Amino acid sequence: MFFSATKDICSEVNRNIMAGDAQQLSKYLAPMVEMSVLGNDGYFSRIQAVSILSEFFKNNPPKDFTVKQGGSASENTKFSIGTYTSSGGVFKVYYVVKREQDNEFIYKLTIEKK
């Protein structure tokens, strides 16, 4: 899927995290994603990553998601750190978006209990 340079991928990702929508979030995942979600660590295919995120959102429905910090780590890399609140607790969310050619995808995603 192509995302134009004018589209802010982090805003889209943040909106999908706030909605707890793993299917919409999948549009922004790289084909292989380095993930750590509550101890489930590794490199996962997009399909595996969606399954893990769906389970997380199912067990921890969103109440709030607030971005605490974000920016560019380099010309081709963006990051975002936020706090995800659910009835199951408060979690730190960290992700890295990398630009390759004309596409931007999440290459790393971490969700851990605060």
Protein backbone atom coordinates (compact mmCIF):
# COMPACT_ATOMS: atom_id res chain seq x y z
CA MET A 1 0.00 0.00 0.00
CA PHE A 2 1.33 3.43 -0.92
CA PHE A 3 1.19 6.35 1.48
CA SER A 4 1.94 9.78 0.10
CA ALA A 5 4.61 11.85 1.77
CA THR A 6 1.97 14.37 2.84
CA LYS A 7 0.02 11.82 4.87
CA ASP A 8 1.14 11.71 8.50
CA ILE A 9 1.49 8.02 9.25
CA CYS A 10 1.98 8.62 12.99
CA SER A 11 -1.39 10.39 13.24
CA GLU A 12 -3.05 7.46 11.46
CA VAL A 13 -1.29 4.90 13.66
CA ASN A 14 -2.18 6.82 16.84
CA ARG A 15 -5.83 7.02 15.78
CA ASN A 16 -5.93 3.24 15.20
CA ILE A 17 -4.26 2.51 18.54
CA MET A 18 -6.81 4.76 20.27
CA ALA A 19 -9.58 2.84 18.49
CA GLY A 20 -8.02 -0.52 19.38
CA ASP A 21 -8.27 -1.47 15.71
CA ALA A 22 -5.60 -4.03 14.79
CA GLN A 23 -7.04 -4.54 11.28
CA GLN A 24 -6.68 -0.86 10.35
CA LEU A 25 -3.30 -0.74 12.07
CA SER A 26 -2.15 -3.62 9.85
CA LYS A 27 -2.05 -1.22 6.86
CA TYR A 28 0.94 0.46 8.49
CA LEU A 29 2.87 -2.63 9.58
CA ALA A 30 5.99 -3.72 7.70
CA PRO A 31 5.92 -7.23 6.18
CA MET A 32 8.10 -8.32 9.16
CA VAL A 33 7.77 -6.40 12.43
CA GLU A 34 9.97 -6.51 15.50
CA MET A 35 7.42 -6.62 18.32
CA SER A 36 7.28 -6.96 22.05
CA VAL A 37 3.74 -7.10 23.41
CA LEU A 38 3.53 -8.01 27.09
CA GLY A 39 6.41 -10.47 26.85
CA ASN A 40 5.50 -11.89 23.44
CA ASP A 41 8.78 -10.89 21.76
CA GLY A 42 10.18 -11.54 18.31
CA TYR A 43 10.01 -10.81 14.62
CA PHE A 44 6.51 -11.45 13.32
CA SER A 45 4.85 -11.43 9.92
CA ARG A 46 2.14 -8.83 9.42
CA ILE A 47 -0.53 -11.54 9.88
CA GLN A 48 1.04 -12.76 13.14
CA ALA A 49 1.42 -9.18 14.37
CA VAL A 50 -2.26 -8.44 13.71
CA SER A 51 -3.25 -11.55 15.64
CA ILE A 52 -1.11 -10.50 18.64
CA LEU A 53 -2.44 -6.93 18.54
CA SER A 54 -6.05 -8.12 18.17
CA GLU A 55 -5.64 -10.26 21.29
CA PHE A 56 -4.08 -7.34 23.18
CA PHE A 57 -6.90 -4.95 22.22
CA LYS A 58 -9.54 -7.60 23.01
CA ASN A 59 -8.09 -8.12 26.50
CA ASN A 60 -7.38 -4.41 27.01
CA PRO A 61 -10.09 -2.33 25.31
CA PRO A 62 -8.95 1.29 24.86
CA LYS A 63 -10.07 4.08 27.14
CA ASP A 64 -7.40 6.58 26.14
CA PHE A 65 -4.17 6.91 24.19
CA THR A 66 -1.94 9.93 24.69
CA VAL A 67 1.27 10.59 22.78
CA LYS A 68 3.99 11.72 25.20
CA GLN A 69 6.84 12.14 22.75
CA GLY A 70 7.45 11.80 19.05
CA GLY A 71 9.69 12.97 16.30
CA SER A 72 12.32 11.99 13.79
CA ALA A 73 15.30 9.87 14.72
CA SER A 74 16.79 10.37 11.25
CA GLU A 75 15.71 11.52 7.80
CA ASN A 76 13.96 8.18 7.17
CA THR A 77 12.86 7.22 10.69
CA LYS A 78 10.09 8.53 12.96
CA PHE A 79 9.14 7.38 16.44
CA SER A 80 6.31 7.82 18.89
CA ILE A 81 5.98 7.06 22.61
CA GLY A 82 2.58 7.10 24.23
CA THR A 83 0.46 5.96 27.14
CA TYR A 84 -2.40 3.56 26.41
CA THR A 85 -5.04 3.30 29.12
CA SER A 86 -7.58 0.49 29.35
CA SER A 87 -9.67 -1.21 32.01
CA GLY A 88 -6.80 -3.73 32.19
CA GLY A 89 -4.22 -1.13 33.13
CA VAL A 90 -1.85 1.48 31.77
CA PHE A 91 0.67 0.59 29.08
CA LYS A 92 3.63 2.28 27.43
CA VAL A 93 3.48 2.11 23.63
CA TYR A 94 6.57 2.75 21.53
CA TYR A 95 6.86 2.37 17.78
CA VAL A 96 9.31 3.20 15.02
CA VAL A 97 8.30 4.06 11.46
CA LYS A 98 10.83 3.69 8.69
CA ARG A 99 10.64 5.18 5.21
CA GLU A 100 11.88 3.11 2.29
CA GLN A 101 11.46 4.57 -1.16
CA ASP A 102 7.92 6.01 -1.13
CA ASN A 103 6.50 3.81 1.64
CA GLU A 104 6.42 4.21 5.41
CA PHE A 105 5.80 1.26 7.71
CA ILE A 106 6.05 0.38 11.40
CA TYR A 107 9.19 -1.73 11.83
CA LYS A 108 9.24 -1.90 15.62
CA LEU A 109 6.38 -1.89 18.12
CA THR A 110 6.56 -2.34 21.88
CA ILE A 111 3.66 -2.47 24.36
CA GLU A 112 4.55 -2.96 27.99
CA LYS A 113 2.73 -2.58 31.30
CA LYS A 114 3.64 0.61 33.15
